[in-house]
PDB file of N, CA and C in Angstrom:
ATOM      1  N   MET A   1     -14.877  -8.499 -14.672  1.00  0.00           N
ATOM      2  CA  MET A   1     -14.007  -8.984 -13.622  1.00  0.00           C
ATOM      3  C   MET A   1     -14.720  -8.822 -12.279  1.00  0.00           C
ATOM      4  N   ALA A   2     -14.703  -9.857 -11.469  1.00  0.00           N
ATOM      5  CA  ALA A   2     -15.380  -9.823 -10.174  1.00  0.00           C
ATOM      6  C   ALA A   2     -14.611  -8.949  -9.201  1.00  0.00           C
ATOM      7  N   LYS A   3     -15.352  -8.236  -8.371  1.00  0.00           N
ATOM      8  CA  LYS A   3     -14.740  -7.371  -7.381  1.00  0.00           C
ATOM      9  C   LYS A   3     -14.280  -8.205  -6.185  1.00  0.00           C
ATOM     10  N   ALA A   4     -13.047  -8.022  -5.758  1.00  0.00           N
ATOM     11  CA  ALA A   4     -12.494  -8.790  -4.635  1.00  0.00           C
ATOM     12  C   ALA A   4     -13.087  -8.297  -3.318  1.00  0.00           C
ATOM     13  N   ALA A   5     -13.320  -9.238  -2.415  1.00  0.00           N
ATOM     14  CA  ALA A   5     -13.844  -8.891  -1.097  1.00  0.00           C
ATOM     15  C   ALA A   5     -12.760  -8.159  -0.308  1.00  0.00           C
ATOM     16  N   ALA A   6     -13.179  -7.201   0.494  1.00  0.00           N
ATOM     17  CA  ALA A   6     -12.237  -6.461   1.331  1.00  0.00           C
ATOM     18  C   ALA A   6     -11.659  -7.396   2.384  1.00  0.00           C
ATOM     19  N   LYS A   7     -10.372  -7.228   2.661  1.00  0.00           N
ATOM     20  CA  LYS A   7      -9.719  -8.057   3.662  1.00  0.00           C
ATOM     21  C   LYS A   7      -9.191  -7.162   4.762  1.00  0.00           C
ATOM     22  N   LYS A   8      -9.229  -7.684   5.965  1.00  0.00           N
ATOM     23  CA  LYS A   8      -8.762  -6.933   7.117  1.00  0.00           C
ATOM     24  C   LYS A   8      -7.425  -7.515   7.576  1.00  0.00           C
ATOM     25  N   ALA A   9      -6.463  -6.654   7.801  1.00  0.00           N
ATOM     26  CA  ALA A   9      -5.147  -7.093   8.268  1.00  0.00           C
ATOM     27  C   ALA A   9      -5.136  -7.141   9.798  1.00  0.00           C
ATOM     28  N   PHE A  10      -4.428  -8.134  10.342  1.00  0.00           N
ATOM     29  CA  PHE A  10      -4.248  -8.219  11.780  1.00  0.00           C
ATOM     30  C   PHE A  10      -2.967  -8.983  12.081  1.00  0.00           C
ATOM     31  N   ALA A  11      -2.424  -8.767  13.264  1.00  0.00           N
ATOM     32  CA  ALA A  11      -1.186  -9.442  13.656  1.00  0.00           C
ATOM     33  C   ALA A  11      -1.501 -10.855  14.154  1.00  0.00           C
ATOM     34  N   LEU A  12      -0.634 -11.784  13.820  1.00  0.00           N
ATOM     35  CA  LEU A  12      -0.769 -13.169  14.261  1.00  0.00           C
ATOM     36  C   LEU A  12       0.582 -13.599  14.803  1.00  0.00           C
ATOM     37  N   ARG A  13       0.603 -14.031  16.040  1.00  0.00           N
ATOM     38  CA  ARG A  13       1.852 -14.459  16.660  1.00  0.00           C
ATOM     39  C   ARG A  13       1.956 -15.979  16.607  1.00  0.00           C
ATOM     40  N   LEU A  14       3.050 -16.462  16.031  1.00  0.00           N
ATOM     41  CA  LEU A  14       3.310 -17.894  15.915  1.00  0.00           C
ATOM     42  C   LEU A  14       4.712 -18.176  16.434  1.00  0.00           C
ATOM     43  N   ASP A  15       4.886 -19.353  17.040  1.00  0.00           N
ATOM     44  CA  ASP A  15       6.240 -19.705  17.452  1.00  0.00           C
ATOM     45  C   ASP A  15       7.042 -20.107  16.214  1.00  0.00           C
ATOM     46  N   ASP A  16       8.363 -20.127  16.356  1.00  0.00           N
ATOM     47  CA  ASP A  16       9.255 -20.377  15.225  1.00  0.00           C
ATOM     48  C   ASP A  16       9.005 -21.725  14.553  1.00  0.00           C
ATOM     49  N   LYS A  17       8.745 -22.770  15.337  1.00  0.00           N
ATOM     50  CA  LYS A  17       8.524 -24.095  14.758  1.00  0.00           C
ATOM     51  C   LYS A  17       7.264 -24.127  13.908  1.00  0.00           C
ATOM     52  N   MET A  18       6.197 -23.497  14.396  1.00  0.00           N
ATOM     53  CA  MET A  18       4.945 -23.481  13.643  1.00  0.00           C
ATOM     54  C   MET A  18       5.107 -22.670  12.362  1.00  0.00           C
ATOM     55  N   LEU A  19       5.763 -21.535  12.445  1.00  0.00           N
ATOM     56  CA  LEU A  19       5.971 -20.709  11.265  1.00  0.00           C
ATOM     57  C   LEU A  19       6.824 -21.441  10.229  1.00  0.00           C
ATOM     58  N   SER A  20       7.858 -22.137  10.678  1.00  0.00           N
ATOM     59  CA  SER A  20       8.706 -22.905   9.757  1.00  0.00           C
ATOM     60  C   SER A  20       7.917 -24.020   9.077  1.00  0.00           C
ATOM     61  N   ALA A  21       7.079 -24.710   9.843  1.00  0.00           N
ATOM     62  CA  ALA A  21       6.255 -25.776   9.265  1.00  0.00           C
ATOM     63  C   ALA A  21       5.272 -25.207   8.244  1.00  0.00           C
ATOM     64  N   LEU A  22       4.660 -24.066   8.559  1.00  0.00           N
ATOM     65  CA  LEU A  22       3.738 -23.431   7.615  1.00  0.00           C
ATOM     66  C   LEU A  22       4.471 -22.973   6.360  1.00  0.00           C
ATOM     67  N   GLN A  23       5.691 -22.461   6.522  1.00  0.00           N
ATOM     68  CA  GLN A  23       6.473 -22.014   5.368  1.00  0.00           C
ATOM     69  C   GLN A  23       6.796 -23.182   4.435  1.00  0.00           C
ATOM     70  N   ARG A  24       7.192 -24.318   5.007  1.00  0.00           N
ATOM     71  CA  ARG A  24       7.488 -25.496   4.189  1.00  0.00           C
ATOM     72  C   ARG A  24       6.232 -25.970   3.449  1.00  0.00           C
ATOM     73  N   TRP A  25       5.110 -26.010   4.169  1.00  0.00           N
ATOM     74  CA  TRP A  25       3.845 -26.442   3.563  1.00  0.00           C
ATOM     75  C   TRP A  25       3.441 -25.488   2.438  1.00  0.00           C
ATOM     76  N   ALA A  26       3.539 -24.199   2.713  1.00  0.00           N
ATOM     77  CA  ALA A  26       3.193 -23.196   1.705  1.00  0.00           C
ATOM     78  C   ALA A  26       4.093 -23.344   0.479  1.00  0.00           C
ATOM     79  N   ASP A  27       5.386 -23.547   0.704  1.00  0.00           N
ATOM     80  CA  ASP A  27       6.319 -23.736  -0.413  1.00  0.00           C
ATOM     81  C   ASP A  27       5.937 -24.954  -1.243  1.00  0.00           C
ATOM     82  N   ASP A  28       5.558 -26.040  -0.578  1.00  0.00           N
ATOM     83  CA  ASP A  28       5.157 -27.257  -1.277  1.00  0.00           C
ATOM     84  C   ASP A  28       3.953 -27.038  -2.194  1.00  0.00           C
ATOM     85  N   GLU A  29       3.089 -26.105  -1.819  1.00  0.00           N
ATOM     86  CA  GLU A  29       1.862 -25.851  -2.584  1.00  0.00           C
ATOM     87  C   GLU A  29       1.931 -24.539  -3.359  1.00  0.00           C
ATOM     88  N   PHE A  30       3.141 -23.973  -3.481  1.00  0.00           N
ATOM     89  CA  PHE A  30       3.371 -22.757  -4.256  1.00  0.00           C
ATOM     90  C   PHE A  30       2.479 -21.591  -3.808  1.00  0.00           C
ATOM     91  N   ARG A  31       2.387 -21.419  -2.498  1.00  0.00           N
ATOM     92  CA  ARG A  31       1.630 -20.316  -1.903  1.00  0.00           C
ATOM     93  C   ARG A  31       2.550 -19.519  -0.991  1.00  0.00           C
ATOM     94  N   SER A  32       2.102 -18.318  -0.644  1.00  0.00           N
ATOM     95  CA  SER A  32       2.760 -17.560   0.413  1.00  0.00           C
ATOM     96  C   SER A  32       2.283 -18.131   1.742  1.00  0.00           C
ATOM     97  N   VAL A  33       2.991 -17.813   2.823  1.00  0.00           N
ATOM     98  CA  VAL A  33       2.539 -18.260   4.146  1.00  0.00           C
ATOM     99  C   VAL A  33       1.156 -17.680   4.425  1.00  0.00           C
ATOM    100  N   ASN A  34       0.961 -16.413   4.105  1.00  0.00           N
ATOM    101  CA  ASN A  34      -0.335 -15.785   4.321  1.00  0.00           C
ATOM    102  C   ASN A  34      -1.430 -16.502   3.531  1.00  0.00           C
ATOM    103  N   GLY A  35      -1.154 -16.809   2.266  1.00  0.00           N
ATOM    104  CA  GLY A  35      -2.119 -17.527   1.443  1.00  0.00           C
ATOM    105  C   GLY A  35      -2.407 -18.913   1.988  1.00  0.00           C
ATOM    106  N   GLN A  36      -1.375 -19.580   2.508  1.00  0.00           N
ATOM    107  CA  GLN A  36      -1.561 -20.920   3.075  1.00  0.00           C
ATOM    108  C   GLN A  36      -2.442 -20.859   4.325  1.00  0.00           C
ATOM    109  N   ILE A  37      -2.190 -19.899   5.204  1.00  0.00           N
ATOM    110  CA  ILE A  37      -3.004 -19.753   6.415  1.00  0.00           C
ATOM    111  C   ILE A  37      -4.452 -19.457   6.038  1.00  0.00           C
ATOM    112  N   GLU A  38      -4.651 -18.571   5.074  1.00  0.00           N
ATOM    113  CA  GLU A  38      -6.009 -18.234   4.639  1.00  0.00           C
ATOM    114  C   GLU A  38      -6.699 -19.464   4.036  1.00  0.00           C
ATOM    115  N   TYR A  39      -5.971 -20.232   3.236  1.00  0.00           N
ATOM    116  CA  TYR A  39      -6.529 -21.451   2.646  1.00  0.00           C
ATOM    117  C   TYR A  39      -6.937 -22.448   3.730  1.00  0.00           C
ATOM    118  N   LEU A  40      -6.050 -22.665   4.705  1.00  0.00           N
ATOM    119  CA  LEU A  40      -6.335 -23.627   5.778  1.00  0.00           C
ATOM    120  C   LEU A  40      -7.532 -23.189   6.619  1.00  0.00           C
ATOM    121  N   LEU A  41      -7.608 -21.911   6.940  1.00  0.00           N
ATOM    122  CA  LEU A  41      -8.750 -21.416   7.719  1.00  0.00           C
ATOM    123  C   LEU A  41     -10.051 -21.550   6.933  1.00  0.00           C
ATOM    124  N   HIS A  42     -10.015 -21.211   5.660  1.00  0.00           N
ATOM    125  CA  HIS A  42     -11.218 -21.321   4.832  1.00  0.00           C
ATOM    126  C   HIS A  42     -11.691 -22.771   4.758  1.00  0.00           C
ATOM    127  N   ASP A  43     -10.736 -23.689   4.548  1.00  0.00           N
ATOM    128  CA  ASP A  43     -11.071 -25.108   4.462  1.00  0.00           C
ATOM    129  C   ASP A  43     -11.661 -25.616   5.781  1.00  0.00           C
ATOM    130  N   ALA A  44     -11.058 -25.220   6.904  1.00  0.00           N
ATOM    131  CA  ALA A  44     -11.568 -25.642   8.215  1.00  0.00           C
ATOM    132  C   ALA A  44     -12.973 -25.085   8.469  1.00  0.00           C
ATOM    133  N   LEU A  45     -13.193 -23.823   8.121  1.00  0.00           N
ATOM    134  CA  LEU A  45     -14.513 -23.212   8.301  1.00  0.00           C
ATOM    135  C   LEU A  45     -15.562 -23.896   7.420  1.00  0.00           C
ATOM    136  N   ARG A  46     -15.171 -24.215   6.187  1.00  0.00           N
ATOM    137  CA  ARG A  46     -16.098 -24.894   5.274  1.00  0.00           C
ATOM    138  C   ARG A  46     -16.468 -26.266   5.810  1.00  0.00           C
ATOM    139  N   LYS A  47     -15.466 -27.031   6.253  1.00  0.00           N
ATOM    140  CA  LYS A  47     -15.718 -28.376   6.765  1.00  0.00           C
ATOM    141  C   LYS A  47     -16.561 -28.358   8.039  1.00  0.00           C
ATOM    142  N   ALA A  48     -16.428 -27.310   8.843  1.00  0.00           N
ATOM    143  CA  ALA A  48     -17.186 -27.200  10.086  1.00  0.00           C
ATOM    144  C   ALA A  48     -18.577 -26.610   9.868  1.00  0.00           C
ATOM    145  N   GLY A  49     -18.893 -26.237   8.616  1.00  0.00           N
ATOM    146  CA  GLY A  49     -20.197 -25.658   8.324  1.00  0.00           C
ATOM    147  C   GLY A  49     -20.346 -24.246   8.844  1.00  0.00           C
ATOM    148  N   ARG A  50     -19.249 -23.527   8.973  1.00  0.00           N
ATOM    149  CA  ARG A  50     -19.271 -22.171   9.531  1.00  0.00           C
ATOM    150  C   ARG A  50     -19.292 -21.075   8.481  1.00  0.00           C
ATOM    151  N   LEU A  51     -19.298 -21.434   7.204  1.00  0.00           N
ATOM    152  CA  LEU A  51     -19.356 -20.436   6.135  1.00  0.00           C
ATOM    153  C   LEU A  51     -20.756 -20.383   5.554  1.00  0.00           C
ATOM    154  N   SER A  52     -21.098 -19.228   5.007  1.00  0.00           N
ATOM    155  CA  SER A  52     -22.393 -19.121   4.339  1.00  0.00           C
ATOM    156  C   SER A  52     -22.373 -20.003   3.099  1.00  0.00           C
ATOM    157  N   LYS A  53     -23.544 -20.355   2.608  1.00  0.00           N
ATOM    158  CA  LYS A  53     -23.645 -21.249   1.454  1.00  0.00           C
ATOM    159  C   LYS A  53     -22.903 -20.676   0.244  1.00  0.00           C
ATOM    160  N   SER A  54     -22.963 -19.363   0.031  1.00  0.00           N
ATOM    161  CA  SER A  54     -22.291 -18.769  -1.129  1.00  0.00           C
ATOM    162  C   SER A  54     -20.785 -18.904  -1.020  1.00  0.00           C
ATOM    163  N   ASN A  55     -20.229 -18.797   0.186  1.00  0.00           N
ATOM    164  CA  ASN A  55     -18.779 -18.960   0.360  1.00  0.00           C
ATOM    165  C   ASN A  55     -18.382 -20.422   0.267  1.00  0.00           C
ATOM    166  N   ALA A  56     -19.167 -21.308   0.823  1.00  0.00           N
ATOM    167  CA  ALA A  56     -18.832 -22.730   0.860  1.00  0.00           C
ATOM    168  C   ALA A  56     -19.061 -23.406  -0.486  1.00  0.00           C
ATOM    169  N   SER A  57     -19.916 -22.849  -1.340  1.00  0.00           N
ATOM    170  CA  SER A  57     -20.230 -23.493  -2.612  1.00  0.00           C
ATOM    171  C   SER A  57     -19.041 -23.507  -3.555  1.00  0.00           C
ATOM    172  N   ASN A  58     -18.099 -22.621  -3.368  1.00  0.00           N
ATOM    173  CA  ASN A  58     -16.920 -22.554  -4.223  1.00  0.00           C
ATOM    174  C   ASN A  58     -15.766 -23.272  -3.533  1.00  0.00           C
ATOM    175  N   ALA A  59     -15.967 -24.526  -3.162  1.00  0.00           N
ATOM    176  CA  ALA A  59     -15.037 -25.289  -2.323  1.00  0.00           C
ATOM    177  C   ALA A  59     -13.692 -25.549  -2.983  1.00  0.00           C
ATOM    178  N   ASN A  60     -13.625 -25.606  -4.288  1.00  0.00           N
ATOM    179  CA  ASN A  60     -12.369 -25.932  -4.939  1.00  0.00           C
ATOM    180  C   ASN A  60     -11.500 -24.726  -5.218  1.00  0.00           C
ATOM    181  N   SER A  61     -11.999 -23.522  -4.935  1.00  0.00           N
ATOM    182  CA  SER A  61     -11.182 -22.352  -5.189  1.00  0.00           C
ATOM    183  C   SER A  61     -10.336 -22.024  -3.970  1.00  0.00           C
ATOM    184  N   ASP A  62      -9.262 -21.357  -4.210  1.00  0.00           N
ATOM    185  CA  ASP A  62      -8.352 -20.943  -3.154  1.00  0.00           C
ATOM    186  C   ASP A  62      -8.729 -19.526  -2.735  1.00  0.00           C
ATOM    187  N   PRO A  63      -9.093 -19.298  -1.475  1.00  0.00           N
ATOM    188  CA  PRO A  63      -9.524 -17.982  -1.038  1.00  0.00           C
ATOM    189  C   PRO A  63      -8.427 -16.935  -1.113  1.00  0.00           C
ATOM    190  N   SER A  64      -7.172 -17.338  -1.192  1.00  0.00           N
ATOM    191  CA  SER A  64      -6.080 -16.378  -1.271  1.00  0.00           C
ATOM    192  C   SER A  64      -5.920 -15.837  -2.683  1.00  0.00           C
ATOM    193  N   GLY A  65      -6.647 -16.413  -3.636  1.00  0.00           N
ATOM    194  CA  GLY A  65      -6.550 -15.975  -5.018  1.00  0.00           C
ATOM    195  C   GLY A  65      -5.429 -16.658  -5.774  1.00  0.00           C
ATOM    196  N   GLN A  66      -4.714 -17.547  -5.117  1.00  0.00           N
ATOM    197  CA  GLN A  66      -3.630 -18.272  -5.760  1.00  0.00           C
ATOM    198  C   GLN A  66      -4.117 -19.677  -6.096  1.00  0.00           C
ATOM    199  N   GLU A  67      -3.717 -20.151  -7.250  1.00  0.00           N
ATOM    200  CA  GLU A  67      -4.104 -21.502  -7.638  1.00  0.00           C
ATOM    201  C   GLU A  67      -3.218 -22.508  -6.922  1.00  0.00           C
ATOM    202  N   ALA A  68      -3.836 -23.481  -6.306  1.00  0.00           N
ATOM    203  CA  ALA A  68      -3.083 -24.522  -5.607  1.00  0.00           C
ATOM    204  C   ALA A  68      -2.532 -25.509  -6.620  1.00  0.00           C
ATOM    205  N   VAL A  69      -1.285 -25.850  -6.459  1.00  0.00           N
ATOM    206  CA  VAL A  69      -0.653 -26.850  -7.319  1.00  0.00           C
ATOM    207  C   VAL A  69      -0.226 -27.984  -6.419  1.00  0.00           C
ATOM    208  N   LYS A  70      -0.905 -29.094  -6.538  1.00  0.00           N
ATOM    209  CA  LYS A  70      -0.596 -30.262  -5.724  1.00  0.00           C
ATOM    210  C   LYS A  70       0.534 -31.040  -6.381  1.00  0.00           C
ATOM    211  N   PRO A  71       1.566 -31.366  -5.620  1.00  0.00           N
ATOM    212  CA  PRO A  71       2.638 -32.153  -6.206  1.00  0.00           C
ATOM    213  C   PRO A  71       2.139 -33.541  -6.594  1.00  0.00           C
ATOM    214  N   GLY A  72       2.506 -33.967  -7.772  1.00  0.00           N
ATOM    215  CA  GLY A  72       2.088 -35.277  -8.244  1.00  0.00           C
ATOM    216  C   GLY A  72       3.122 -36.332  -7.932  1.00  0.00           C
ATOM    217  N   PRO A  73       2.836 -37.555  -8.311  1.00  0.00           N
ATOM    218  CA  PRO A  73       3.805 -38.627  -8.078  1.00  0.00           C
ATOM    219  C   PRO A  73       5.096 -38.348  -8.834  1.00  0.00           C
ATOM    220  N   GLU A  74       6.181 -38.667  -8.231  1.00  0.00           N
ATOM    221  CA  GLU A  74       7.482 -38.462  -8.855  1.00  0.00           C
ATOM    222  C   GLU A  74       7.629 -39.424 -10.024  1.00  0.00           C
ATOM    223  N   SER A  75       8.037 -38.893 -11.172  1.00  0.00           N
ATOM    224  CA  SER A  75       8.267 -39.773 -12.306  1.00  0.00           C
ATOM    225  C   SER A  75       9.707 -40.262 -12.269  1.00  0.00           C
ATOM    226  N   GLU A  76       9.908 -41.470 -12.730  1.00  0.00           N
ATOM    227  CA  GLU A  76      11.243 -42.077 -12.662  1.00  0.00           C
ATOM    228  C   GLU A  76      12.002 -41.858 -13.931  1.00  0.00           C
TER     229      GLU A  76
END
Protein backbone atom coordinates (compact mmCIF):
# COMPACT_ATOMS: atom_id res chain seq x y z
CA MET A 1 0.00 0.00 0.00
CA ALA A 2 1.39 3.41 -0.97
CA LYS A 3 2.10 5.87 1.80
CA ALA A 4 -0.13 8.96 1.65
CA ALA A 5 1.53 12.36 1.37
CA ALA A 6 1.30 14.54 4.46
CA LYS A 7 -1.31 17.28 4.21
CA LYS A 8 -1.31 20.61 5.95
CA ALA A 9 -4.53 22.07 7.34
CA PHE A 10 -5.32 25.76 7.00
CA ALA A 11 -8.34 28.04 7.26
CA LEU A 12 -10.05 29.20 4.08
CA ARG A 13 -12.63 31.97 4.16
CA LEU A 14 -15.36 31.83 1.51
CA ASP A 15 -18.53 33.85 1.16
CA ASP A 16 -21.84 32.00 1.51
CA LYS A 17 -22.64 32.00 -2.23
CA MET A 18 -19.27 30.51 -3.18
CA LEU A 19 -19.48 27.86 -0.47
CA SER A 20 -23.01 26.91 -1.56
CA ALA A 21 -21.92 26.63 -5.19
CA LEU A 22 -18.94 24.46 -4.19
CA GLN A 23 -21.20 22.27 -2.04
CA ARG A 24 -23.61 21.68 -4.95
CA TRP A 25 -20.71 20.90 -7.30
CA ALA A 26 -19.13 18.55 -4.77
CA ASP A 27 -22.47 16.80 -4.24
CA ASP A 28 -22.86 16.34 -8.00
CA GLU A 29 -19.48 14.58 -8.13
CA PHE A 30 -19.91 12.62 -4.88
CA ARG A 31 -17.08 14.46 -3.10
CA SER A 32 -16.77 16.45 0.09
CA VAL A 33 -16.34 20.21 -0.27
CA ASN A 34 -12.75 19.80 0.89
CA GLY A 35 -12.15 17.05 -1.69
CA GLN A 36 -13.73 19.19 -4.41
CA ILE A 37 -11.53 22.20 -3.59
CA GLU A 38 -8.43 19.98 -3.55
CA TYR A 39 -9.44 18.43 -6.89
CA LEU A 40 -10.03 21.84 -8.50
CA LEU A 41 -6.72 23.24 -7.23
CA HIS A 42 -4.80 20.17 -8.39
CA ASP A 43 -6.42 20.35 -11.84
CA ALA A 44 -5.67 24.09 -12.16
CA LEU A 45 -2.04 23.59 -11.08
CA ARG A 46 -1.63 20.71 -13.53
CA LYS A 47 -3.10 22.70 -16.42
CA ALA A 48 -0.87 25.69 -15.60
CA GLY A 49 2.24 23.48 -15.54
CA ARG A 50 2.87 24.26 -11.87
CA LEU A 51 3.16 20.66 -10.65
CA SER A 52 6.20 18.45 -10.81
CA LYS A 53 6.17 15.80 -13.53
CA SER A 54 5.53 13.01 -10.98
CA ASN A 55 2.43 14.80 -9.63
CA ALA A 56 1.12 15.82 -13.05
CA SER A 57 1.65 12.39 -14.64
CA ASN A 58 -1.23 10.94 -12.64
CA ALA A 59 -3.75 13.36 -14.22
CA ASN A 60 -6.78 11.09 -14.02
CA SER A 61 -6.54 10.44 -10.30
CA ASP A 62 -8.33 12.48 -7.70
CA PRO A 63 -5.86 14.05 -5.25
CA SER A 64 -8.44 13.88 -2.45
CA GLY A 65 -8.35 10.09 -2.63
CA GLN A 66 -11.99 9.93 -3.66
CA GLU A 67 -13.03 8.49 -6.99
CA ALA A 68 -14.84 11.00 -9.15
CA VAL A 69 -18.17 9.84 -10.50
CA LYS A 70 -19.31 11.90 -13.44
CA PRO A 71 -23.05 11.96 -13.95
CA GLY A 72 -23.99 10.35 -17.22
CA PRO A 73 -26.81 11.12 -19.60
CA GLU A 74 -30.22 10.64 -18.08
CA SER A 75 -31.89 7.49 -19.31
CA GLU A 76 -35.54 7.71 -20.28
